[in-house]
Amino acid sequence: MHLTIEKTGAREWDEAHLKELFSEGFPEFITADRLVKQYIGRVREFFADLDLMLVDEDGVPVASGWGVPIRWDGRPNPCPRAAPRRWSAPWRDMSGASPPTPW
């Protein structure tokens, strides 16, 4: 099987394919935390370059993923252990409507 990676916003996706792909919903670590719920709506808006689809040779999406950049100096102590802290990190110093920068 040949797979490629595409940005999610690069084209229109067949609704039936998306429905199948997301039929099981989001993992509990995303839906169970209030901090994640607070920020998740802005993730695709601010980090569209990190919103990706894995697509098979027929153009059908088989996986989806997105990321939130964090600053990290390489030491283990400052790296947030819990998902909610990682989610909120890019917005901690943010003011206004501009997206945060991780570097």
N, C-alpha and C. Protein backbone atom coordinates (compact mmCIF):
# COMPACT_ATOMS: atom_id res chain seq x y z
N MET A 1 0.84 -1.18 0.00
CA MET A 1 0.00 0.00 0.00
C MET A 1 0.89 1.25 0.00
N HIS A 2 0.60 2.16 -0.90
CA HIS A 2 1.33 3.41 -0.99
C HIS A 2 0.52 4.50 -0.28
N LEU A 3 1.13 5.17 0.68
CA LEU A 3 0.45 6.23 1.43
C LEU A 3 1.17 7.55 1.23
N THR A 4 0.40 8.63 1.22
CA THR A 4 0.97 9.97 1.13
C THR A 4 0.39 10.83 2.25
N ILE A 5 1.06 11.93 2.52
CA ILE A 5 0.60 12.88 3.53
C ILE A 5 0.18 14.16 2.83
N GLU A 6 -0.98 14.66 3.19
CA GLU A 6 -1.49 15.92 2.64
C GLU A 6 -1.96 16.81 3.77
N LYS A 7 -1.87 18.11 3.56
CA LYS A 7 -2.48 19.03 4.51
C LYS A 7 -3.99 18.87 4.41
N THR A 8 -4.65 18.86 5.54
CA THR A 8 -6.09 18.64 5.56
C THR A 8 -6.84 19.69 4.75
N GLY A 9 -6.39 20.92 4.80
CA GLY A 9 -7.06 22.00 4.09
C GLY A 9 -6.70 22.12 2.62
N ALA A 10 -5.90 21.19 2.11
CA ALA A 10 -5.43 21.29 0.72
C ALA A 10 -6.51 20.99 -0.31
N ARG A 11 -7.57 20.27 0.11
CA ARG A 11 -8.63 19.94 -0.84
C ARG A 11 -9.90 19.59 -0.08
N GLU A 12 -10.96 19.41 -0.83
CA GLU A 12 -12.23 18.97 -0.25
C GLU A 12 -12.17 17.45 -0.07
N TRP A 13 -12.72 16.96 1.02
CA TRP A 13 -12.73 15.52 1.30
C TRP A 13 -14.14 14.99 1.20
N ASP A 14 -14.28 13.78 0.71
CA ASP A 14 -15.57 13.12 0.60
C ASP A 14 -16.15 12.94 2.01
N GLU A 15 -17.37 13.41 2.21
CA GLU A 15 -18.01 13.35 3.53
C GLU A 15 -18.12 11.93 4.06
N ALA A 16 -18.41 10.97 3.18
CA ALA A 16 -18.53 9.58 3.61
C ALA A 16 -17.19 9.05 4.13
N HIS A 17 -16.10 9.45 3.48
CA HIS A 17 -14.77 9.02 3.93
C HIS A 17 -14.45 9.63 5.29
N LEU A 18 -14.77 10.91 5.48
CA LEU A 18 -14.51 11.56 6.76
C LEU A 18 -15.35 10.95 7.88
N LYS A 19 -16.60 10.66 7.56
CA LYS A 19 -17.48 10.05 8.56
C LYS A 19 -16.91 8.72 9.03
N GLU A 20 -16.43 7.92 8.09
CA GLU A 20 -15.82 6.63 8.44
C GLU A 20 -14.55 6.83 9.25
N LEU A 21 -13.71 7.77 8.82
CA LEU A 21 -12.44 8.02 9.49
C LEU A 21 -12.65 8.43 10.94
N PHE A 22 -13.63 9.28 11.20
CA PHE A 22 -13.84 9.81 12.55
C PHE A 22 -14.99 9.12 13.30
N SER A 23 -15.40 7.95 12.85
CA SER A 23 -16.56 7.27 13.42
C SER A 23 -16.38 6.90 14.89
N GLU A 24 -15.16 6.74 15.34
CA GLU A 24 -14.93 6.37 16.74
C GLU A 24 -14.72 7.60 17.63
N GLY A 25 -14.76 8.79 17.07
CA GLY A 25 -14.58 10.00 17.86
C GLY A 25 -13.13 10.25 18.23
N PHE A 26 -12.95 11.23 19.11
CA PHE A 26 -11.61 11.59 19.56
C PHE A 26 -11.21 10.73 20.76
N PRO A 27 -9.92 10.52 20.95
CA PRO A 27 -9.45 9.78 22.13
C PRO A 27 -9.85 10.50 23.42
N GLU A 28 -10.00 9.74 24.49
CA GLU A 28 -10.46 10.29 25.77
C GLU A 28 -9.54 11.40 26.29
N PHE A 29 -8.22 11.30 26.06
CA PHE A 29 -7.34 12.34 26.59
C PHE A 29 -7.62 13.71 25.97
N ILE A 30 -8.28 13.74 24.84
CA ILE A 30 -8.65 15.01 24.22
C ILE A 30 -10.00 15.50 24.73
N THR A 31 -10.96 14.61 24.83
CA THR A 31 -12.32 15.03 25.16
C THR A 31 -12.58 15.15 26.66
N ALA A 32 -11.75 14.57 27.50
CA ALA A 32 -12.04 14.53 28.93
C ALA A 32 -11.50 15.74 29.71
N ASP A 33 -10.70 16.56 29.12
CA ASP A 33 -10.06 17.63 29.87
C ASP A 33 -10.58 19.01 29.48
N ARG A 34 -10.90 19.82 30.46
CA ARG A 34 -11.46 21.16 30.19
C ARG A 34 -10.47 22.08 29.48
N LEU A 35 -9.17 21.97 29.77
CA LEU A 35 -8.19 22.83 29.10
C LEU A 35 -8.11 22.50 27.61
N VAL A 36 -8.16 21.24 27.28
CA VAL A 36 -8.15 20.85 25.87
C VAL A 36 -9.38 21.42 25.19
N LYS A 37 -10.53 21.29 25.82
CA LYS A 37 -11.76 21.83 25.25
C LYS A 37 -11.66 23.33 25.02
N GLN A 38 -10.96 24.01 25.90
CA GLN A 38 -10.81 25.46 25.79
C GLN A 38 -10.01 25.87 24.56
N TYR A 39 -9.01 25.08 24.18
CA TYR A 39 -8.11 25.47 23.10
C TYR A 39 -8.32 24.74 21.78
N ILE A 40 -9.00 23.61 21.79
CA ILE A 40 -9.04 22.77 20.59
C ILE A 40 -9.66 23.48 19.38
N GLY A 41 -10.61 24.38 19.61
CA GLY A 41 -11.23 25.07 18.49
C GLY A 41 -10.27 25.93 17.69
N ARG A 42 -9.21 26.40 18.33
CA ARG A 42 -8.25 27.27 17.65
C ARG A 42 -7.07 26.53 17.03
N VAL A 43 -6.93 25.25 17.35
CA VAL A 43 -5.77 24.49 16.86
C VAL A 43 -5.71 24.49 15.34
N ARG A 44 -6.80 24.13 14.69
CA ARG A 44 -6.79 24.08 13.22
C ARG A 44 -6.63 25.46 12.61
N GLU A 45 -7.15 26.47 13.27
CA GLU A 45 -7.03 27.83 12.75
C GLU A 45 -5.58 28.32 12.81
N PHE A 46 -4.93 28.15 13.96
CA PHE A 46 -3.59 28.69 14.15
C PHE A 46 -2.48 27.78 13.64
N PHE A 47 -2.71 26.48 13.61
CA PHE A 47 -1.66 25.53 13.24
C PHE A 47 -2.08 24.67 12.05
N ALA A 48 -2.63 25.30 11.03
CA ALA A 48 -3.09 24.57 9.85
C ALA A 48 -1.97 23.77 9.19
N ASP A 49 -0.74 24.24 9.29
CA ASP A 49 0.38 23.51 8.69
C ASP A 49 0.66 22.19 9.40
N LEU A 50 0.10 22.03 10.59
CA LEU A 50 0.30 20.80 11.36
C LEU A 50 -0.95 19.92 11.37
N ASP A 51 -1.93 20.24 10.53
CA ASP A 51 -3.18 19.49 10.41
C ASP A 51 -3.06 18.65 9.14
N LEU A 52 -2.86 17.34 9.31
CA LEU A 52 -2.48 16.48 8.19
C LEU A 52 -3.41 15.28 8.04
N MET A 53 -3.47 14.75 6.81
CA MET A 53 -4.19 13.52 6.50
C MET A 53 -3.21 12.54 5.87
N LEU A 54 -3.32 11.29 6.27
CA LEU A 54 -2.61 10.20 5.62
C LEU A 54 -3.59 9.59 4.62
N VAL A 55 -3.20 9.54 3.36
CA VAL A 55 -4.11 9.19 2.27
C VAL A 55 -3.59 7.96 1.54
N ASP A 56 -4.50 7.02 1.22
CA ASP A 56 -4.09 5.83 0.48
C ASP A 56 -4.00 6.12 -1.02
N GLU A 57 -3.64 5.10 -1.79
CA GLU A 57 -3.42 5.31 -3.23
C GLU A 57 -4.69 5.66 -3.99
N ASP A 58 -5.87 5.45 -3.38
CA ASP A 58 -7.13 5.83 -4.02
C ASP A 58 -7.61 7.22 -3.59
N GLY A 59 -6.80 7.91 -2.81
CA GLY A 59 -7.17 9.25 -2.35
C GLY A 59 -8.09 9.25 -1.14
N VAL A 60 -8.21 8.10 -0.47
CA VAL A 60 -9.08 7.98 0.69
C VAL A 60 -8.26 8.24 1.96
N PRO A 61 -8.71 9.15 2.83
CA PRO A 61 -7.98 9.39 4.08
C PRO A 61 -8.08 8.18 5.00
N VAL A 62 -6.95 7.73 5.51
CA VAL A 62 -6.91 6.58 6.40
C VAL A 62 -6.50 6.95 7.82
N ALA A 63 -5.98 8.16 8.00
CA ALA A 63 -5.61 8.65 9.33
C ALA A 63 -5.53 10.17 9.27
N SER A 64 -5.72 10.78 10.42
CA SER A 64 -5.65 12.23 10.53
C SER A 64 -4.89 12.58 11.80
N GLY A 65 -4.18 13.67 11.74
CA GLY A 65 -3.46 14.10 12.93
C GLY A 65 -3.15 15.57 12.86
N TRP A 66 -3.00 16.18 14.02
CA TRP A 66 -2.62 17.57 14.09
C TRP A 66 -1.78 17.78 15.32
N GLY A 67 -1.03 18.83 15.31
CA GLY A 67 -0.12 19.07 16.41
C GLY A 67 -0.19 20.48 16.93
N VAL A 68 0.33 20.64 18.11
CA VAL A 68 0.47 21.94 18.75
C VAL A 68 1.94 22.09 19.10
N PRO A 69 2.61 23.07 18.52
CA PRO A 69 4.04 23.23 18.81
C PRO A 69 4.25 23.72 20.24
N ILE A 70 5.31 23.24 20.84
CA ILE A 70 5.68 23.72 22.17
C ILE A 70 7.14 24.13 22.16
N ARG A 71 7.49 25.05 23.03
CA ARG A 71 8.89 25.41 23.21
C ARG A 71 9.51 24.37 24.12
N TRP A 72 10.74 23.99 23.81
CA TRP A 72 11.43 23.03 24.64
C TRP A 72 12.92 23.25 24.51
N ASP A 73 13.60 23.34 25.63
CA ASP A 73 15.04 23.58 25.60
C ASP A 73 15.85 22.29 25.65
N GLY A 74 15.20 21.14 25.57
CA GLY A 74 15.89 19.86 25.55
C GLY A 74 16.00 19.19 26.91
N ARG A 75 15.74 19.94 27.97
CA ARG A 75 15.79 19.37 29.31
C ARG A 75 14.44 18.73 29.64
N PRO A 76 14.46 17.61 30.39
CA PRO A 76 13.19 16.94 30.68
C PRO A 76 12.28 17.70 31.65
N ASN A 77 12.80 18.48 32.55
CA ASN A 77 11.96 19.14 33.56
C ASN A 77 10.97 20.15 33.01
N PRO A 78 11.34 21.03 32.07
CA PRO A 78 10.36 22.01 31.61
C PRO A 78 9.30 21.44 30.66
N CYS A 79 9.51 20.23 30.16
CA CYS A 79 8.56 19.65 29.22
C CYS A 79 7.31 19.20 29.97
N PRO A 80 6.13 19.76 29.61
CA PRO A 80 4.91 19.37 30.32
C PRO A 80 4.61 17.88 30.15
N ARG A 81 4.27 17.22 31.25
CA ARG A 81 3.98 15.79 31.20
C ARG A 81 2.55 15.52 30.78
N ALA A 82 1.65 16.37 31.17
CA ALA A 82 0.23 16.13 30.90
C ALA A 82 -0.20 16.80 29.61
N ALA A 83 -1.09 16.15 28.87
CA ALA A 83 -1.59 16.71 27.62
C ALA A 83 -2.19 18.11 27.79
N PRO A 84 -2.97 18.39 28.82
CA PRO A 84 -3.56 19.72 28.95
C PRO A 84 -2.52 20.83 29.05
N ARG A 85 -1.42 20.59 29.74
CA ARG A 85 -0.38 21.62 29.83
C ARG A 85 0.29 21.82 28.47
N ARG A 86 0.46 20.75 27.71
CA ARG A 86 1.04 20.90 26.37
C ARG A 86 0.10 21.71 25.49
N TRP A 87 -1.20 21.48 25.63
CA TRP A 87 -2.17 22.20 24.83
C TRP A 87 -2.17 23.69 25.15
N SER A 88 -2.05 24.01 26.41
CA SER A 88 -2.17 25.42 26.80
C SER A 88 -0.86 26.19 26.62
N ALA A 89 0.26 25.50 26.53
CA ALA A 89 1.56 26.17 26.44
C ALA A 89 1.66 27.21 25.33
N PRO A 90 1.22 26.93 24.11
CA PRO A 90 1.38 27.94 23.06
C PRO A 90 0.58 29.22 23.29
N TRP A 91 -0.45 29.15 24.13
CA TRP A 91 -1.28 30.33 24.34
C TRP A 91 -0.95 31.10 25.61
N ARG A 92 -0.06 30.60 26.43
CA ARG A 92 0.22 31.24 27.71
C ARG A 92 0.66 32.69 27.57
N ASP A 93 1.52 32.97 26.60
CA ASP A 93 2.04 34.33 26.43
C ASP A 93 1.34 35.09 25.33
N MET A 94 0.27 34.53 24.83
CA MET A 94 -0.41 35.12 23.68
C MET A 94 -1.30 36.28 24.10
N SER A 95 -1.24 37.33 23.34
CA SER A 95 -2.16 38.44 23.54
C SER A 95 -2.72 38.80 22.17
N GLY A 96 -3.96 39.18 22.11
CA GLY A 96 -4.57 39.50 20.83
C GLY A 96 -4.97 38.26 20.07
N ALA A 97 -5.17 38.40 18.77
CA ALA A 97 -5.68 37.32 17.96
C ALA A 97 -4.62 36.63 17.13
N SER A 98 -3.37 37.06 17.23
CA SER A 98 -2.34 36.45 16.40
C SER A 98 -1.93 35.10 16.97
N PRO A 99 -1.56 34.16 16.10
CA PRO A 99 -1.16 32.85 16.58
C PRO A 99 0.15 32.90 17.35
N PRO A 100 0.31 32.02 18.34
CA PRO A 100 1.57 31.98 19.07
C PRO A 100 2.67 31.38 18.23
N THR A 101 3.90 31.68 18.56
CA THR A 101 5.04 31.11 17.85
C THR A 101 5.83 30.24 18.82
N PRO A 102 6.19 29.03 18.41
CA PRO A 102 6.88 28.13 19.31
C PRO A 102 8.38 28.37 19.39
N TRP A 103 8.95 29.22 18.57
CA TRP A 103 10.38 29.44 18.59
C TRP A 103 10.72 30.89 18.70
